[in-house]
N, C-alpha and C. Protein backbone atom coordinates (compact mmCIF):
# COMPACT_ATOMS: atom_id res chain seq x y z
N MET A 1 -7.31 18.81 6.32
CA MET A 1 -8.59 18.68 5.67
C MET A 1 -9.28 17.40 6.15
N PRO A 2 -9.76 17.38 7.34
CA PRO A 2 -10.30 16.16 7.92
C PRO A 2 -11.63 15.71 7.32
N ASN A 3 -12.38 16.57 6.66
CA ASN A 3 -13.69 16.21 6.13
C ASN A 3 -13.66 15.79 4.66
N MET A 4 -12.50 15.39 4.18
CA MET A 4 -12.38 14.98 2.79
C MET A 4 -13.08 13.64 2.59
N ARG A 5 -13.85 13.52 1.51
CA ARG A 5 -14.55 12.27 1.18
C ARG A 5 -13.84 11.62 0.01
N TRP A 6 -13.08 10.59 0.29
CA TRP A 6 -12.30 9.90 -0.73
C TRP A 6 -13.16 8.88 -1.46
N GLN A 7 -12.92 8.73 -2.74
CA GLN A 7 -13.63 7.76 -3.56
C GLN A 7 -12.62 6.79 -4.15
N LYS A 8 -12.87 5.50 -3.95
CA LYS A 8 -11.98 4.47 -4.50
C LYS A 8 -12.39 4.15 -5.93
N SER A 9 -11.43 3.67 -6.67
CA SER A 9 -11.70 3.22 -8.03
C SER A 9 -12.66 2.05 -8.01
N SER A 10 -13.58 2.03 -8.96
CA SER A 10 -14.51 0.90 -9.06
C SER A 10 -13.80 -0.37 -9.51
N TYR A 11 -12.59 -0.25 -10.03
CA TYR A 11 -11.81 -1.40 -10.47
C TYR A 11 -11.08 -2.08 -9.32
N SER A 12 -11.07 -1.49 -8.15
CA SER A 12 -10.30 -2.04 -7.03
C SER A 12 -10.94 -3.29 -6.45
N GLY A 13 -12.26 -3.42 -6.53
CA GLY A 13 -12.95 -4.59 -5.99
C GLY A 13 -12.64 -4.76 -4.52
N ALA A 14 -12.27 -5.97 -4.12
CA ALA A 14 -11.95 -6.25 -2.72
C ALA A 14 -10.53 -5.85 -2.38
N ASN A 15 -9.75 -5.54 -3.38
CA ASN A 15 -8.35 -5.15 -3.18
C ASN A 15 -8.29 -3.79 -2.51
N SER A 16 -7.55 -3.69 -1.43
CA SER A 16 -7.46 -2.42 -0.70
C SER A 16 -6.40 -1.49 -1.28
N GLU A 17 -5.61 -1.97 -2.21
CA GLU A 17 -4.54 -1.16 -2.79
C GLU A 17 -5.02 -0.55 -4.10
N CYS A 18 -5.40 0.71 -4.04
CA CYS A 18 -5.87 1.38 -5.24
C CYS A 18 -5.67 2.89 -5.08
N VAL A 19 -5.97 3.60 -6.13
CA VAL A 19 -5.90 5.05 -6.09
C VAL A 19 -7.25 5.58 -5.64
N GLU A 20 -7.21 6.58 -4.77
CA GLU A 20 -8.43 7.24 -4.32
C GLU A 20 -8.39 8.69 -4.78
N VAL A 21 -9.56 9.25 -5.04
CA VAL A 21 -9.66 10.61 -5.54
C VAL A 21 -10.65 11.38 -4.68
N CYS A 22 -10.40 12.69 -4.56
CA CYS A 22 -11.26 13.55 -3.75
C CYS A 22 -11.26 14.95 -4.38
N SER A 23 -12.41 15.57 -4.39
CA SER A 23 -12.53 16.93 -4.88
C SER A 23 -12.32 17.89 -3.71
N VAL A 24 -11.40 18.83 -3.88
CA VAL A 24 -11.08 19.81 -2.83
C VAL A 24 -11.13 21.20 -3.47
N ASP A 25 -12.21 21.92 -3.22
CA ASP A 25 -12.40 23.23 -3.83
C ASP A 25 -12.28 23.10 -5.35
N ASP A 26 -11.34 23.79 -5.96
CA ASP A 26 -11.16 23.73 -7.41
C ASP A 26 -10.09 22.73 -7.82
N LEU A 27 -9.62 21.92 -6.89
CA LEU A 27 -8.56 20.96 -7.18
C LEU A 27 -9.05 19.53 -7.01
N ILE A 28 -8.26 18.62 -7.55
CA ILE A 28 -8.47 17.19 -7.37
C ILE A 28 -7.30 16.67 -6.55
N ALA A 29 -7.61 15.91 -5.50
CA ALA A 29 -6.57 15.30 -4.67
C ALA A 29 -6.55 13.81 -4.98
N LEU A 30 -5.35 13.24 -5.04
CA LEU A 30 -5.16 11.81 -5.32
C LEU A 30 -4.24 11.23 -4.26
N ARG A 31 -4.51 9.99 -3.88
CA ARG A 31 -3.64 9.30 -2.95
C ARG A 31 -3.71 7.79 -3.20
N GLU A 32 -2.70 7.11 -2.77
CA GLU A 32 -2.68 5.65 -2.80
C GLU A 32 -3.35 5.18 -1.52
N SER A 33 -4.29 4.25 -1.63
CA SER A 33 -5.07 3.86 -0.44
C SER A 33 -4.23 3.26 0.67
N ASP A 34 -3.13 2.59 0.31
CA ASP A 34 -2.31 1.97 1.36
C ASP A 34 -1.26 2.91 1.92
N ASP A 35 -1.19 4.16 1.41
CA ASP A 35 -0.27 5.18 1.94
C ASP A 35 -0.99 6.52 1.92
N GLY A 36 -2.04 6.65 2.72
CA GLY A 36 -2.90 7.82 2.71
C GLY A 36 -2.26 9.12 3.13
N GLY A 37 -1.05 9.07 3.67
CA GLY A 37 -0.38 10.29 4.10
C GLY A 37 0.24 11.07 2.96
N VAL A 38 0.38 10.44 1.80
CA VAL A 38 0.96 11.10 0.63
C VAL A 38 -0.19 11.47 -0.31
N VAL A 39 -0.41 12.77 -0.48
CA VAL A 39 -1.51 13.26 -1.31
C VAL A 39 -0.93 14.21 -2.35
N ILE A 40 -1.33 14.03 -3.59
CA ILE A 40 -0.94 14.98 -4.64
C ILE A 40 -2.19 15.72 -5.11
N HIS A 41 -2.00 16.94 -5.55
CA HIS A 41 -3.11 17.77 -6.02
C HIS A 41 -2.86 18.18 -7.47
N THR A 42 -3.94 18.29 -8.22
CA THR A 42 -3.87 18.75 -9.60
C THR A 42 -5.14 19.52 -9.91
N THR A 43 -5.16 20.17 -11.04
CA THR A 43 -6.37 20.89 -11.44
C THR A 43 -7.36 19.92 -12.06
N ARG A 44 -8.61 20.34 -12.09
CA ARG A 44 -9.65 19.51 -12.72
C ARG A 44 -9.34 19.28 -14.20
N ALA A 45 -8.86 20.31 -14.88
CA ALA A 45 -8.56 20.19 -16.31
C ALA A 45 -7.44 19.18 -16.56
N ARG A 46 -6.39 19.22 -15.76
CA ARG A 46 -5.29 18.27 -15.94
C ARG A 46 -5.71 16.85 -15.59
N PHE A 47 -6.54 16.70 -14.56
CA PHE A 47 -7.02 15.37 -14.20
C PHE A 47 -7.92 14.81 -15.31
N ALA A 48 -8.76 15.67 -15.87
CA ALA A 48 -9.63 15.24 -16.98
C ALA A 48 -8.78 14.82 -18.18
N ALA A 49 -7.70 15.55 -18.46
CA ALA A 49 -6.81 15.19 -19.57
C ALA A 49 -6.14 13.84 -19.31
N LEU A 50 -5.73 13.60 -18.07
CA LEU A 50 -5.13 12.32 -17.70
C LEU A 50 -6.12 11.18 -17.92
N LEU A 51 -7.36 11.35 -17.49
CA LEU A 51 -8.38 10.32 -17.66
C LEU A 51 -8.67 10.07 -19.14
N ARG A 52 -8.77 11.14 -19.94
CA ARG A 52 -9.01 10.97 -21.38
C ARG A 52 -7.88 10.18 -22.02
N ALA A 53 -6.65 10.51 -21.66
CA ALA A 53 -5.49 9.82 -22.24
C ALA A 53 -5.47 8.35 -21.82
N ALA A 54 -5.78 8.08 -20.57
CA ALA A 54 -5.80 6.69 -20.09
C ALA A 54 -6.89 5.89 -20.80
N LYS A 55 -8.07 6.48 -20.94
CA LYS A 55 -9.17 5.79 -21.62
C LYS A 55 -8.87 5.56 -23.09
N ALA A 56 -8.09 6.45 -23.69
CA ALA A 56 -7.71 6.31 -25.10
C ALA A 56 -6.57 5.31 -25.29
N GLY A 57 -6.01 4.82 -24.19
CA GLY A 57 -4.94 3.83 -24.28
C GLY A 57 -3.54 4.41 -24.47
N GLU A 58 -3.40 5.70 -24.25
CA GLU A 58 -2.09 6.34 -24.47
C GLU A 58 -1.01 5.80 -23.55
N TYR A 59 -1.37 5.23 -22.43
CA TYR A 59 -0.37 4.72 -21.49
C TYR A 59 -0.22 3.20 -21.58
N ASP A 60 -0.93 2.58 -22.52
CA ASP A 60 -0.87 1.13 -22.68
C ASP A 60 0.39 0.66 -23.40
N ARG A 61 0.92 1.51 -24.24
CA ARG A 61 2.10 1.15 -25.04
C ARG A 61 3.38 1.40 -24.25
N ARG A 62 4.24 0.42 -24.28
CA ARG A 62 5.54 0.58 -23.61
C ARG A 62 6.61 0.81 -24.66
N PRO A 63 7.57 1.68 -24.36
CA PRO A 63 8.64 1.95 -25.34
C PRO A 63 9.50 0.75 -25.60
């Protein structure tokens, strides 16, 4: 998929190490910017659920 347009997190600033996201048909592709050869795919619904949970702070608490 050579024409993929990756978007970096706005929180990355000048730091080159961040998560990048790309829309591919009906899926969302994610990769780490410093290891672009490893790409994971998920559905839009699951990605939206992940973002909602992160914004709600569900991953802030450590056991």
